Protein backbone atom coordinates (compact mmCIF):
# COMPACT_ATOMS: atom_id res chain seq x y z
CA MET A 1 -26.31 -33.65 19.02
CA LEU A 2 -24.18 -31.61 21.42
CA ARG A 3 -21.53 -31.25 18.74
CA ARG A 4 -24.10 -30.06 16.21
CA THR A 5 -25.56 -27.67 18.78
CA PHE A 6 -22.10 -26.37 19.69
CA PHE A 7 -21.20 -25.92 16.02
CA SER A 8 -24.42 -24.08 15.26
CA LEU A 9 -23.61 -21.57 17.94
CA MET A 10 -20.49 -20.36 16.19
CA GLY A 11 -21.94 -19.93 12.70
CA GLY A 12 -21.57 -16.79 10.65
CA ALA A 13 -20.41 -16.06 7.19
CA ALA A 14 -18.96 -12.81 6.03
CA ILE A 15 -21.70 -10.28 6.62
CA THR A 16 -21.38 -6.60 6.04
CA LEU A 17 -20.69 -4.51 9.11
CA ALA A 18 -24.01 -2.71 8.91
CA ALA A 19 -25.98 -5.92 8.47
CA SER A 20 -24.19 -7.70 11.28
CA THR A 21 -24.67 -4.82 13.67
CA SER A 22 -28.36 -4.44 13.01
CA SER A 23 -29.27 -8.11 12.65
CA PHE A 24 -27.28 -9.35 15.63
CA ALA A 25 -27.61 -6.49 18.05
CA GLY A 26 -30.50 -4.31 17.00
CA GLY A 27 -28.51 -1.44 15.52
CA THR A 28 -25.77 0.74 16.90
CA LYS A 29 -27.46 1.08 20.32
CA ALA A 30 -27.35 -2.56 21.39
CA LYS A 31 -30.03 -3.74 23.79
CA MET A 32 -28.74 -7.29 24.32
CA ASP A 33 -25.66 -8.56 26.13
CA ILE A 34 -23.11 -10.83 24.46
CA VAL A 35 -24.90 -14.06 25.40
CA ASP A 36 -28.33 -12.86 24.28
CA THR A 37 -26.83 -11.47 21.08
CA ALA A 38 -25.30 -14.88 20.33
CA VAL A 39 -28.55 -16.69 21.16
CA ASN A 40 -30.61 -14.26 19.08
CA ALA A 41 -28.33 -14.71 16.07
CA GLY A 42 -29.42 -18.34 15.92
CA SER A 43 -26.05 -19.41 14.56
CA PHE A 44 -24.14 -19.72 17.85
CA THR A 45 -26.05 -22.52 19.59
CA THR A 46 -22.95 -24.65 20.06
CA LEU A 47 -21.00 -21.79 21.61
CA VAL A 48 -23.92 -21.02 23.90
CA ALA A 49 -24.05 -24.70 24.92
CA ALA A 50 -20.33 -24.60 25.71
CA VAL A 51 -20.64 -21.34 27.65
CA GLN A 52 -23.49 -22.91 29.65
CA ALA A 53 -21.50 -26.12 30.27
CA ALA A 54 -18.54 -24.03 31.44
CA GLY A 55 -20.68 -21.97 33.81
CA LEU A 56 -19.74 -18.70 32.07
CA VAL A 57 -23.20 -17.37 31.19
CA ASP A 58 -23.42 -14.96 34.14
CA VAL A 59 -19.90 -13.67 33.46
CA LEU A 60 -20.64 -12.91 29.79
CA LYS A 61 -23.96 -11.32 30.75
CA GLY A 62 -22.08 -9.07 33.20
CA ASN A 63 -21.15 -5.43 32.77
CA GLY A 64 -18.01 -6.05 30.72
CA PRO A 65 -16.88 -4.65 28.47
CA PHE A 66 -15.75 -7.79 26.66
CA THR A 67 -14.43 -8.64 23.23
CA VAL A 68 -15.36 -12.18 22.19
CA PHE A 69 -13.74 -13.93 19.22
CA ALA A 70 -16.48 -16.38 18.23
CA PRO A 71 -15.50 -19.36 16.04
CA THR A 72 -17.93 -20.46 13.34
CA ASP A 73 -19.69 -23.82 13.32
CA ALA A 74 -17.35 -24.86 10.52
CA ALA A 75 -14.40 -24.03 12.78
CA PHE A 76 -15.71 -26.35 15.47
CA ALA A 77 -16.51 -29.00 12.86
CA ALA A 78 -12.86 -28.89 11.78
CA LEU A 79 -11.72 -30.03 15.24
CA PRO A 80 -10.86 -33.73 15.52
CA ALA A 81 -13.91 -35.99 15.86
CA GLY A 82 -15.15 -36.22 19.44
CA THR A 83 -13.37 -33.06 20.64
CA VAL A 84 -16.49 -31.01 21.30
CA GLU A 85 -18.32 -33.88 22.97
CA SER A 86 -15.31 -34.51 25.18
CA LEU A 87 -14.98 -30.84 26.17
CA LEU A 88 -18.65 -30.67 27.14
CA LYS A 89 -18.28 -33.48 29.70
CA PRO A 90 -18.35 -32.27 33.32
CA GLU A 91 -14.94 -33.81 34.04
CA ASN A 92 -13.38 -31.57 31.34
CA LYS A 93 -14.94 -28.32 32.55
CA ASP A 94 -11.57 -26.73 33.46
CA GLN A 95 -10.23 -27.34 29.95
CA LEU A 96 -13.44 -25.98 28.39
CA VAL A 97 -13.26 -22.86 30.56
CA ALA A 98 -9.62 -22.32 29.53
CA ILE A 99 -10.47 -22.61 25.83
CA LEU A 100 -13.53 -20.35 26.03
CA THR A 101 -11.82 -17.66 28.12
CA TYR A 102 -8.93 -17.70 25.63
CA HIS A 103 -11.48 -16.27 23.16
CA VAL A 104 -12.28 -13.30 25.43
CA ILE A 105 -10.48 -9.99 26.02
CA PRO A 106 -11.55 -8.07 29.15
CA SER A 107 -12.16 -4.82 27.24
CA GLN A 108 -13.99 -3.72 24.11
CA VAL A 109 -11.78 -3.70 21.01
CA MET A 110 -13.42 -2.55 17.79
CA SER A 111 -11.91 -3.27 14.39
CA GLY A 112 -11.10 0.42 13.91
CA ASP A 113 -9.03 0.38 17.11
CA ILE A 114 -6.53 -2.07 15.59
CA ALA A 115 -6.66 -1.34 11.86
CA GLY A 116 -3.17 -1.56 10.36
CA LYS A 117 -1.57 -2.74 13.61
CA LYS A 118 0.01 -5.84 15.14
CA ALA A 119 -0.17 -6.53 18.86
CA ASP A 120 -0.20 -9.21 21.52
CA VAL A 121 -3.38 -8.95 23.59
CA ALA A 122 -4.01 -10.53 27.00
CA THR A 123 -7.06 -12.77 27.30
CA VAL A 124 -9.25 -13.55 30.29
CA GLN A 125 -7.61 -17.01 30.30
CA GLY A 126 -4.24 -15.33 30.94
CA SER A 127 -2.37 -16.06 27.71
CA ASP A 128 -1.85 -13.60 24.88
CA LEU A 129 -3.40 -13.64 21.42
CA ALA A 130 -1.40 -12.43 18.42
CA VAL A 131 -3.50 -9.86 16.58
CA ASP A 132 -2.44 -8.84 13.07
CA ALA A 133 -4.64 -6.26 11.36
CA THR A 134 -2.18 -5.26 8.63
CA ASN A 135 -3.88 -7.28 5.87
CA GLY A 136 -7.38 -8.22 7.00
CA VAL A 137 -7.52 -9.29 10.63
CA MET A 138 -5.90 -12.44 11.99
CA ILE A 139 -6.21 -13.64 15.58
CA ASN A 140 -3.38 -16.17 15.93
CA ASP A 141 -4.13 -18.31 12.83
CA ALA A 142 -7.86 -17.48 12.67
CA SER A 143 -9.35 -14.94 10.27
CA VAL A 144 -12.03 -12.52 11.40
CA THR A 145 -14.95 -13.08 9.03
CA THR A 146 -17.42 -10.64 10.61
CA ALA A 147 -16.26 -7.75 12.78
CA ASP A 148 -17.92 -5.42 15.25
CA VAL A 149 -21.12 -7.25 16.20
CA ILE A 150 -22.16 -4.85 18.96
CA ALA A 151 -23.65 -5.97 22.28
CA LYS A 152 -24.52 -3.78 25.25
CA ASN A 153 -21.56 -5.16 27.21
CA GLY A 154 -18.99 -5.51 24.45
CA VAL A 155 -18.40 -6.74 20.93
CA ILE A 156 -18.27 -10.04 19.07
CA HIS A 157 -15.87 -10.72 16.18
CA VAL A 158 -16.67 -13.94 14.28
CA ILE A 159 -13.60 -16.06 13.46
CA ASP A 160 -13.06 -19.11 11.26
CA SER A 161 -10.96 -21.26 13.66
CA VAL A 162 -11.13 -22.33 17.28
CA LEU A 163 -8.34 -20.75 19.31
CA ILE A 164 -6.51 -23.23 21.54
CA PRO A 165 -4.23 -21.90 24.28
CA SER A 166 -0.77 -23.39 24.70
CA SER A 167 -0.54 -25.94 27.48
């Protein structure tokens, strides 16, 4: 059940920018923070469960700004069997925190800010992500499927793979 919940949290198919902005965040003037935006979307229940298990809710409800690369449920489902359940165990909290914070940049980066560019970007976890926006947008090996989901303390970009930091 935790795996299904965790996978649900990261859901999201390709949605137009206008639809994603209004349906996830209430229009261009967002009233909800990143966590509430994810909860309200109804398709990020697994991510929310992981953020709760990692003790990161208050951080992601904070002032920010943050950029969160949110994997879809299908991305989590593609992980080896038992991975999500294992990560959600209290004894693996440090590993879960490292993986989740690897999906977060401590600033707001909109798709228009990187269009046509390549860059390495530092994450909250401390490692860099390779961003390639020269032909679509790739974050390491993950594709951005929905960009610019606005929250009052940052932005969410939905991705199709879970990002795993190097050991």
